[in-house]
């Protein structure tokens, strides 16, 4: 691999072009060890909602997260 691609900052700058395409970032994270951290940083850096995080938790936690989301809506008003 070229030395420029071993630099995390360079990779972050390149991967920024794909920030909105989460499937591409997920593929990049699985491509090689050097790509993993910068791609995951962008994937998890900004979440629109808690559903990606909830899918990482056991099934019993989905109900709790659903209730928490409803509370957030009430607090935002």
C-alpha atoms as a PDB file:
ATOM      1  CA  UNK A   1       0.000   0.000   0.000  1.00  0.00           C
ATOM      2  CA  UNK A   2       1.217   3.496  -0.775  1.00  0.00           C
ATOM      3  CA  UNK A   3       2.527   5.425   2.241  1.00  0.00           C
ATOM      4  CA  UNK A   4       0.013   8.230   1.675  1.00  0.00           C
ATOM      5  CA  UNK A   5      -2.780   5.749   2.437  1.00  0.00           C
ATOM      6  CA  UNK A   6      -1.188   4.784   5.742  1.00  0.00           C
ATOM      7  CA  UNK A   7      -1.799   8.280   7.113  1.00  0.00           C
ATOM      8  CA  UNK A   8      -5.101   8.419   9.049  1.00  0.00           C
ATOM      9  CA  UNK A   9      -5.641  12.108   8.272  1.00  0.00           C
ATOM     10  CA  UNK A  10      -5.287  11.487   4.528  1.00  0.00           C
ATOM     11  CA  UNK A  11      -7.758   8.627   4.726  1.00  0.00           C
ATOM     12  CA  UNK A  12     -10.268  10.763   6.620  1.00  0.00           C
ATOM     13  CA  UNK A  13     -10.012  13.445   3.921  1.00  0.00           C
ATOM     14  CA  UNK A  14     -10.571  10.864   1.181  1.00  0.00           C
ATOM     15  CA  UNK A  15     -13.419   9.116   3.008  1.00  0.00           C
ATOM     16  CA  UNK A  16     -15.164  12.457   3.624  1.00  0.00           C
ATOM     17  CA  UNK A  17     -16.220  12.298  -0.042  1.00  0.00           C
ATOM     18  CA  UNK A  18     -18.266   9.199   0.811  1.00  0.00           C
ATOM     19  CA  UNK A  19     -19.665  10.441   4.147  1.00  0.00           C
ATOM     20  CA  UNK A  20     -23.290  10.258   2.997  1.00  0.00           C
ATOM     21  CA  UNK A  21     -22.901   6.743   1.552  1.00  0.00           C
ATOM     22  CA  UNK A  22     -22.873   4.591   4.665  1.00  0.00           C
ATOM     23  CA  UNK A  23     -22.718   1.314   2.735  1.00  0.00           C
ATOM     24  CA  UNK A  24     -19.491   2.436   1.036  1.00  0.00           C
ATOM     25  CA  UNK A  25     -17.997   3.509   4.364  1.00  0.00           C
ATOM     26  CA  UNK A  26     -18.942   0.138   5.860  1.00  0.00           C
ATOM     27  CA  UNK A  27     -17.245  -1.604   2.930  1.00  0.00           C
ATOM     28  CA  UNK A  28     -14.140   0.541   3.366  1.00  0.00           C
ATOM     29  CA  UNK A  29     -14.016  -0.347   7.070  1.00  0.00           C
ATOM     30  CA  UNK A  30     -13.950  -4.042   6.121  1.00  0.00           C
ATOM     31  CA  UNK A  31     -11.416  -3.641   3.298  1.00  0.00           C
ATOM     32  CA  UNK A  32      -8.199  -3.472   5.312  1.00  0.00           C
ATOM     33  CA  UNK A  33      -6.951  -2.634   8.787  1.00  0.00           C
ATOM     34  CA  UNK A  34      -5.616   0.767   7.739  1.00  0.00           C
ATOM     35  CA  UNK A  35      -9.069   1.825   6.487  1.00  0.00           C
ATOM     36  CA  UNK A  36     -11.038   0.498   9.463  1.00  0.00           C
ATOM     37  CA  UNK A  37     -10.708   3.294  12.049  1.00  0.00           C
ATOM     38  CA  UNK A  38     -11.149   6.316   9.740  1.00  0.00           C
ATOM     39  CA  UNK A  39     -14.182   4.722   8.060  1.00  0.00           C
ATOM     40  CA  UNK A  40     -15.746   3.762  11.406  1.00  0.00           C
ATOM     41  CA  UNK A  41     -15.075   7.251  12.780  1.00  0.00           C
ATOM     42  CA  UNK A  42     -17.133   8.734   9.952  1.00  0.00           C
ATOM     43  CA  UNK A  43     -19.848   6.075  10.186  1.00  0.00           C
ATOM     44  CA  UNK A  44     -20.410   6.527  13.913  1.00  0.00           C
ATOM     45  CA  UNK A  45     -19.433  10.194  14.178  1.00  0.00           C
ATOM     46  CA  UNK A  46     -22.878  11.557  13.450  1.00  0.00           C
ATOM     47  CA  UNK A  47     -26.077   9.551  13.835  1.00  0.00           C
ATOM     48  CA  UNK A  48     -29.476  10.827  12.711  1.00  0.00           C
ATOM     49  CA  UNK A  49     -31.179   8.610  15.279  1.00  0.00           C
ATOM     50  CA  UNK A  50     -30.414   5.811  17.718  1.00  0.00           C
ATOM     51  CA  UNK A  51     -31.493   2.915  15.490  1.00  0.00           C
ATOM     52  CA  UNK A  52     -27.953   1.920  14.348  1.00  0.00           C
ATOM     53  CA  UNK A  53     -26.846   1.891  17.973  1.00  0.00           C
ATOM     54  CA  UNK A  54     -29.957  -0.020  19.039  1.00  0.00           C
ATOM     55  CA  UNK A  55     -29.216  -2.764  16.505  1.00  0.00           C
ATOM     56  CA  UNK A  56     -25.927  -3.404  18.346  1.00  0.00           C
ATOM     57  CA  UNK A  57     -27.742  -4.067  21.631  1.00  0.00           C
ATOM     58  CA  UNK A  58     -29.644  -7.177  22.779  1.00  0.00           C
ATOM     59  CA  UNK A  59     -33.299  -7.455  21.726  1.00  0.00           C
ATOM     60  CA  UNK A  60     -34.632  -6.540  25.187  1.00  0.00           C
ATOM     61  CA  UNK A  61     -33.096  -3.076  24.926  1.00  0.00           C
ATOM     62  CA  UNK A  62     -35.134  -2.081  21.840  1.00  0.00           C
ATOM     63  CA  UNK A  63     -38.234  -1.362  23.934  1.00  0.00           C
ATOM     64  CA  UNK A  64     -36.226   0.825  26.317  1.00  0.00           C
ATOM     65  CA  UNK A  65     -34.681   2.825  23.457  1.00  0.00           C
ATOM     66  CA  UNK A  66     -38.107   3.270  21.901  1.00  0.00           C
ATOM     67  CA  UNK A  67     -39.403   4.705  25.166  1.00  0.00           C
ATOM     68  CA  UNK A  68     -36.353   6.987  25.421  1.00  0.00           C
ATOM     69  CA  UNK A  69     -36.986   8.290  21.888  1.00  0.00           C
ATOM     70  CA  UNK A  70     -40.557   9.159  22.832  1.00  0.00           C
ATOM     71  CA  UNK A  71     -39.313  11.067  25.876  1.00  0.00           C
ATOM     72  CA  UNK A  72     -36.850  13.021  23.740  1.00  0.00           C
ATOM     73  CA  UNK A  73     -39.681  14.135  21.463  1.00  0.00           C
ATOM     74  CA  UNK A  74     -41.609  15.361  24.492  1.00  0.00           C
ATOM     75  CA  UNK A  75     -38.584  17.262  25.824  1.00  0.00           C
ATOM     76  CA  UNK A  76     -37.834  19.005  22.512  1.00  0.00           C
ATOM     77  CA  UNK A  77     -41.147  20.890  22.523  1.00  0.00           C
END
